[in-house]
């Protein structure tokens, strides 16, 4: 899977990410579903984990 980033706006490239994904800014302790209508910003020097969101039949993907 490839997800692009934009260092100028501190966001993910919206072409490659959707609400089927979730992210973590605390090394996987908590996960937040990506909100396409209100994309999050990640200012500063952060490591963001990204994975496919789990559902009724499938568990979350690997980070």
C-alpha atoms as a PDB file:
ATOM      1  CA  UNK A   1       0.000   0.000   0.000  1.00  0.00           C
ATOM      2  CA  UNK A   2       1.239   3.474  -0.806  1.00  0.00           C
ATOM      3  CA  UNK A   3       0.015   6.610   0.950  1.00  0.00           C
ATOM      4  CA  UNK A   4       1.478   9.942  -0.059  1.00  0.00           C
ATOM      5  CA  UNK A   5       2.192  12.770   2.353  1.00  0.00           C
ATOM      6  CA  UNK A   6       2.303  16.516   1.912  1.00  0.00           C
ATOM      7  CA  UNK A   7       4.971  18.062   4.157  1.00  0.00           C
ATOM      8  CA  UNK A   8       3.833  21.612   3.345  1.00  0.00           C
ATOM      9  CA  UNK A   9       0.260  21.111   4.597  1.00  0.00           C
ATOM     10  CA  UNK A  10       1.196  18.330   7.081  1.00  0.00           C
ATOM     11  CA  UNK A  11      -1.513  16.055   5.666  1.00  0.00           C
ATOM     12  CA  UNK A  12      -1.888  12.809   3.724  1.00  0.00           C
ATOM     13  CA  UNK A  13      -2.477  13.060  -0.024  1.00  0.00           C
ATOM     14  CA  UNK A  14      -6.248  12.604  -0.268  1.00  0.00           C
ATOM     15  CA  UNK A  15      -5.956  10.557  -3.462  1.00  0.00           C
ATOM     16  CA  UNK A  16      -4.535   7.641  -1.499  1.00  0.00           C
ATOM     17  CA  UNK A  17      -6.418   7.618   1.793  1.00  0.00           C
ATOM     18  CA  UNK A  18     -10.057   7.222   2.785  1.00  0.00           C
ATOM     19  CA  UNK A  19     -12.305   6.486   5.760  1.00  0.00           C
ATOM     20  CA  UNK A  20     -11.431   2.801   5.266  1.00  0.00           C
ATOM     21  CA  UNK A  21      -8.115   3.694   6.949  1.00  0.00           C
ATOM     22  CA  UNK A  22      -7.187   4.659  10.496  1.00  0.00           C
ATOM     23  CA  UNK A  23      -4.088   6.288  11.947  1.00  0.00           C
ATOM     24  CA  UNK A  24      -2.201   6.478  15.222  1.00  0.00           C
ATOM     25  CA  UNK A  25       0.127   9.210  16.467  1.00  0.00           C
ATOM     26  CA  UNK A  26       1.002   7.392  19.719  1.00  0.00           C
ATOM     27  CA  UNK A  27       2.742   4.259  18.420  1.00  0.00           C
ATOM     28  CA  UNK A  28      -0.512   2.279  18.089  1.00  0.00           C
ATOM     29  CA  UNK A  29      -1.926   2.850  21.584  1.00  0.00           C
ATOM     30  CA  UNK A  30      -5.032   4.494  20.074  1.00  0.00           C
ATOM     31  CA  UNK A  31      -6.418   4.531  16.531  1.00  0.00           C
ATOM     32  CA  UNK A  32      -8.572   7.180  14.826  1.00  0.00           C
ATOM     33  CA  UNK A  33     -10.606   6.655  11.651  1.00  0.00           C
ATOM     34  CA  UNK A  34      -9.463   8.982   8.883  1.00  0.00           C
ATOM     35  CA  UNK A  35     -12.089  11.693   8.310  1.00  0.00           C
ATOM     36  CA  UNK A  36     -12.197  12.660   4.633  1.00  0.00           C
ATOM     37  CA  UNK A  37     -14.402  15.707   5.303  1.00  0.00           C
ATOM     38  CA  UNK A  38     -12.102  17.080   8.024  1.00  0.00           C
ATOM     39  CA  UNK A  39      -8.621  15.749   7.226  1.00  0.00           C
ATOM     40  CA  UNK A  40      -6.281  15.809  10.218  1.00  0.00           C
ATOM     41  CA  UNK A  41      -3.028  17.756  10.211  1.00  0.00           C
ATOM     42  CA  UNK A  42       0.179  16.401  11.678  1.00  0.00           C
ATOM     43  CA  UNK A  43       2.474  19.357  12.446  1.00  0.00           C
ATOM     44  CA  UNK A  44       5.962  18.869  13.756  1.00  0.00           C
ATOM     45  CA  UNK A  45       8.197  15.838  13.689  1.00  0.00           C
ATOM     46  CA  UNK A  46       5.791  12.914  14.185  1.00  0.00           C
ATOM     47  CA  UNK A  47       5.694   9.261  13.290  1.00  0.00           C
ATOM     48  CA  UNK A  48       2.204   8.361  12.102  1.00  0.00           C
ATOM     49  CA  UNK A  49       1.146   4.725  11.797  1.00  0.00           C
ATOM     50  CA  UNK A  50      -1.527   3.907   9.218  1.00  0.00           C
ATOM     51  CA  UNK A  51      -3.563   0.757   8.694  1.00  0.00           C
ATOM     52  CA  UNK A  52      -6.707  -0.540   7.069  1.00  0.00           C
ATOM     53  CA  UNK A  53      -9.638  -0.192   9.456  1.00  0.00           C
ATOM     54  CA  UNK A  54     -11.237  -3.385  10.718  1.00  0.00           C
ATOM     55  CA  UNK A  55     -14.897  -4.172  10.264  1.00  0.00           C
ATOM     56  CA  UNK A  56     -17.601  -6.637  11.106  1.00  0.00           C
ATOM     57  CA  UNK A  57     -15.870  -9.531   9.355  1.00  0.00           C
ATOM     58  CA  UNK A  58     -12.194  -8.588   9.149  1.00  0.00           C
ATOM     59  CA  UNK A  59      -9.748  -7.419  11.833  1.00  0.00           C
ATOM     60  CA  UNK A  60      -7.670  -4.261  11.303  1.00  0.00           C
ATOM     61  CA  UNK A  61      -4.702  -4.576   8.983  1.00  0.00           C
ATOM     62  CA  UNK A  62      -1.103  -4.386  10.021  1.00  0.00           C
ATOM     63  CA  UNK A  63       0.279  -0.923  10.776  1.00  0.00           C
END
